[in-house]
Amino acid sequence: MAFTFLKARGHCIGKSLLDTDGIAFVQSVLAESGDKIVLPSDILVASSPDADKGEAVPADAIAQDVMGLDIGPATAAEFSVAIRSAGTVLWNGPMGVFEKPPFANGTRAVAEAMAACQGVTIVGGGDTAAAVERFGLAEKMTHVSTGGGASLEFLEGRELPGVAALMDAK
């Protein structure tokens, strides 16, 4: 998701994954939010997820022939500080291709910061739930849900069919 935001800000994102349908929406969010949205300052890039290692580059300096596969070490440190001191953290989506060891460090750093956070920590989404489970940190979270999309829709205030059916059954 960060690459959609970086692209909306006019940065080159190389071959990184992008939600092309979401660019206009993201541009409106950025215009409304000012500097409240914190994006990665550095990105771990490589030619493909099968690469043996990545190279950390500034988020505004991603070359055309590489793709972002994880947040960089500076971003991992920045995010970790913010997470550890937060009262509530909702995390939906890994920081990178955590299934591949060279690109797991950002996701691991965020998971460890969540585990150390004294506030409420909510993990949403199957990939994110798998990551905290893989790192042995799921039990340290307040709540882990595999329903990432449903979690976001719930936060948006949308009616969820399953919840509505339960409410009607009362």
Protein backbone atom coordinates (compact mmCIF):
# COMPACT_ATOMS: atom_id res chain seq x y z
CA MET A 1 0.00 0.00 0.00
CA ALA A 2 2.89 2.37 0.66
CA PHE A 3 3.84 2.29 -3.00
CA THR A 4 0.42 3.62 -4.00
CA PHE A 5 1.00 6.53 -1.60
CA LEU A 6 4.55 7.10 -2.84
CA LYS A 7 3.37 7.03 -6.46
CA ALA A 8 0.56 9.47 -5.61
CA ARG A 9 3.24 11.81 -4.23
CA GLY A 10 5.03 11.62 -7.58
CA HIS A 11 7.84 9.25 -6.64
CA CYS A 12 9.19 6.53 -8.91
CA ILE A 13 8.35 3.12 -7.44
CA GLY A 14 10.07 0.95 -10.05
CA LYS A 15 8.41 -2.46 -10.44
CA SER A 16 6.81 -2.32 -6.96
CA LEU A 17 3.22 -3.46 -6.48
CA LEU A 18 0.73 -0.66 -7.03
CA ASP A 19 -3.03 -0.24 -6.68
CA THR A 20 -3.60 1.76 -9.87
CA ASP A 21 -7.33 2.04 -9.15
CA GLY A 22 -6.57 3.65 -5.78
CA ILE A 23 -4.29 6.48 -6.94
CA ALA A 24 -7.03 9.13 -7.16
CA PHE A 25 -8.42 8.17 -3.75
CA VAL A 26 -4.95 8.21 -2.19
CA GLN A 27 -4.25 11.64 -3.69
CA SER A 28 -7.41 12.98 -2.04
CA VAL A 29 -6.44 11.38 1.28
CA LEU A 30 -2.99 12.94 1.09
CA ALA A 31 -4.46 16.35 0.27
CA GLU A 32 -6.79 16.17 3.29
CA SER A 33 -4.34 14.71 5.78
CA GLY A 34 -1.33 16.94 5.24
CA ASP A 35 1.62 15.35 6.99
CA LYS A 36 -0.41 13.05 9.28
CA ILE A 37 0.30 10.00 7.12
CA VAL A 38 3.77 8.65 7.77
CA LEU A 39 5.29 6.82 4.83
CA PRO A 40 8.52 4.82 4.71
CA SER A 41 11.68 6.90 4.52
CA ASP A 42 13.66 4.01 3.05
CA ILE A 43 12.79 0.86 1.15
CA LEU A 44 14.58 -2.45 0.71
CA VAL A 45 14.68 -3.07 -3.04
CA ALA A 46 15.81 -5.94 -5.26
CA SER A 47 15.20 -7.21 -8.77
CA SER A 48 12.68 -9.82 -7.55
CA PRO A 49 11.39 -11.51 -4.38
CA ASP A 50 13.75 -14.40 -5.17
CA ALA A 51 16.86 -12.22 -4.76
CA ASP A 52 19.36 -13.26 -2.10
CA LYS A 53 19.43 -9.78 -0.57
CA GLY A 54 18.08 -6.30 -0.94
CA GLU A 55 19.52 -2.81 -0.92
CA ALA A 56 18.12 -0.03 1.26
CA VAL A 57 17.43 3.14 -0.73
CA PRO A 58 15.57 6.36 0.10
CA ALA A 59 11.85 5.98 -0.60
CA ASP A 60 12.07 8.74 -3.21
CA ALA A 61 14.98 7.09 -5.04
CA ILE A 62 13.66 3.71 -6.20
CA ALA A 63 15.14 2.81 -9.59
CA GLN A 64 12.93 1.69 -12.50
CA ASP A 65 14.41 -1.82 -12.66
CA VAL A 66 13.83 -2.88 -9.02
CA MET A 67 10.89 -3.44 -6.74
CA GLY A 68 10.29 -2.58 -3.13
CA LEU A 69 10.16 -5.77 -1.06
CA ASP A 70 10.38 -4.51 2.53
CA ILE A 71 10.69 -1.33 4.51
CA GLY A 72 14.27 -0.26 5.10
CA PRO A 73 16.09 -0.30 8.44
CA ALA A 74 15.55 3.42 9.13
CA THR A 75 11.82 3.06 8.56
CA ALA A 76 11.68 -0.08 10.72
CA ALA A 77 13.32 1.86 13.55
CA GLU A 78 11.01 4.89 13.08
CA PHE A 79 7.86 2.76 12.99
CA SER A 80 9.01 0.73 16.02
CA VAL A 81 9.45 3.84 18.16
CA ALA A 82 5.98 5.11 17.25
CA ILE A 83 4.35 1.72 17.82
CA ARG A 84 5.97 1.03 21.20
CA SER A 85 4.66 4.30 22.62
CA ALA A 86 1.15 4.12 21.12
CA GLY A 87 -2.03 3.61 23.10
CA THR A 88 -3.71 1.66 20.30
CA VAL A 89 -2.22 0.11 17.16
CA LEU A 90 -4.16 -1.46 14.30
CA TRP A 91 -1.90 -3.32 11.87
CA ASN A 92 -3.24 -4.60 8.58
CA GLY A 93 -0.68 -5.93 6.11
CA PRO A 94 2.96 -7.01 6.36
CA MET A 95 5.74 -4.54 5.67
CA GLY A 96 7.21 -6.70 2.94
CA VAL A 97 7.64 -10.20 1.56
CA PHE A 98 8.14 -11.64 5.05
CA GLU A 99 8.02 -15.21 3.73
CA LYS A 100 11.46 -14.63 2.19
CA PRO A 101 14.18 -14.21 4.85
CA PRO A 102 15.99 -11.30 3.14
CA PHE A 103 12.73 -9.30 3.21
CA ALA A 104 11.31 -10.26 6.60
CA ASN A 105 13.13 -7.77 8.84
CA GLY A 106 10.65 -4.90 8.51
CA THR A 107 7.65 -7.08 9.30
CA ARG A 108 9.56 -8.69 12.19
CA ALA A 109 10.51 -5.26 13.61
CA VAL A 110 6.89 -4.08 13.52
CA ALA A 111 5.69 -7.36 15.08
CA GLU A 112 8.27 -7.06 17.88
CA ALA A 113 7.29 -3.43 18.50
CA MET A 114 3.63 -4.46 18.66
CA ALA A 115 4.53 -7.20 21.15
CA ALA A 116 6.38 -4.64 23.30
CA CYS A 117 3.58 -2.06 23.12
CA GLN A 118 1.68 -1.59 26.40
CA GLY A 119 -1.41 -0.40 24.53
CA VAL A 120 -4.05 -2.29 22.61
CA THR A 121 -2.61 -4.14 19.61
CA ILE A 122 -4.88 -5.43 16.87
CA VAL A 123 -3.58 -7.45 13.94
CA GLY A 124 -5.87 -7.79 10.93
CA GLY A 125 -5.48 -9.88 7.81
CA GLY A 126 -4.39 -13.39 6.99
CA ASP A 127 -0.85 -12.47 5.91
CA THR A 128 -0.28 -10.29 8.97
CA ALA A 129 -1.70 -12.96 11.27
CA ALA A 130 0.60 -15.52 9.62
CA ALA A 131 3.58 -13.21 10.15
CA VAL A 132 3.03 -12.71 13.90
CA GLU A 133 2.43 -16.44 14.23
CA ARG A 134 5.64 -17.24 12.31
CA PHE A 135 7.62 -14.91 14.58
CA GLY A 136 6.07 -16.47 17.71
CA LEU A 137 4.42 -13.21 18.76
CA ALA A 138 0.70 -13.83 18.16
CA GLU A 139 0.02 -14.48 21.86
CA LYS A 140 1.44 -11.06 22.74
CA MET A 141 -1.17 -9.23 20.65
CA THR A 142 -4.47 -8.07 22.11
CA HIS A 143 -6.37 -9.47 19.14
CA VAL A 144 -5.43 -11.27 15.92
CA SER A 145 -7.96 -11.56 13.08
CA THR A 146 -7.52 -13.20 9.70
CA GLY A 147 -10.28 -10.96 8.32
CA GLY A 148 -8.25 -8.02 7.04
CA GLY A 149 -10.73 -6.67 4.52
CA ALA A 150 -13.66 -7.22 6.86
CA SER A 151 -11.76 -5.50 9.69
CA LEU A 152 -11.17 -2.43 7.55
CA GLU A 153 -14.81 -2.36 6.41
CA PHE A 154 -15.92 -2.59 10.04
CA LEU A 155 -13.73 0.39 10.94
CA GLU A 156 -15.20 2.31 8.00
CA GLY A 157 -18.64 1.79 9.54
CA ARG A 158 -19.93 -0.51 6.81
CA GLU A 159 -22.52 -3.13 7.65
CA LEU A 160 -20.99 -6.60 7.66
CA PRO A 161 -23.41 -9.34 6.55
CA GLY A 162 -22.28 -11.83 9.20
CA VAL A 163 -22.60 -9.31 12.03
CA ALA A 164 -25.95 -8.10 10.69
CA ALA A 165 -27.26 -11.68 10.60
CA LEU A 166 -26.18 -12.23 14.20
CA MET A 167 -27.84 -8.99 15.27
CA ASP A 168 -31.06 -9.95 13.47
CA ALA A 169 -31.03 -13.37 15.14
CA LYS A 170 -31.34 -11.83 18.61
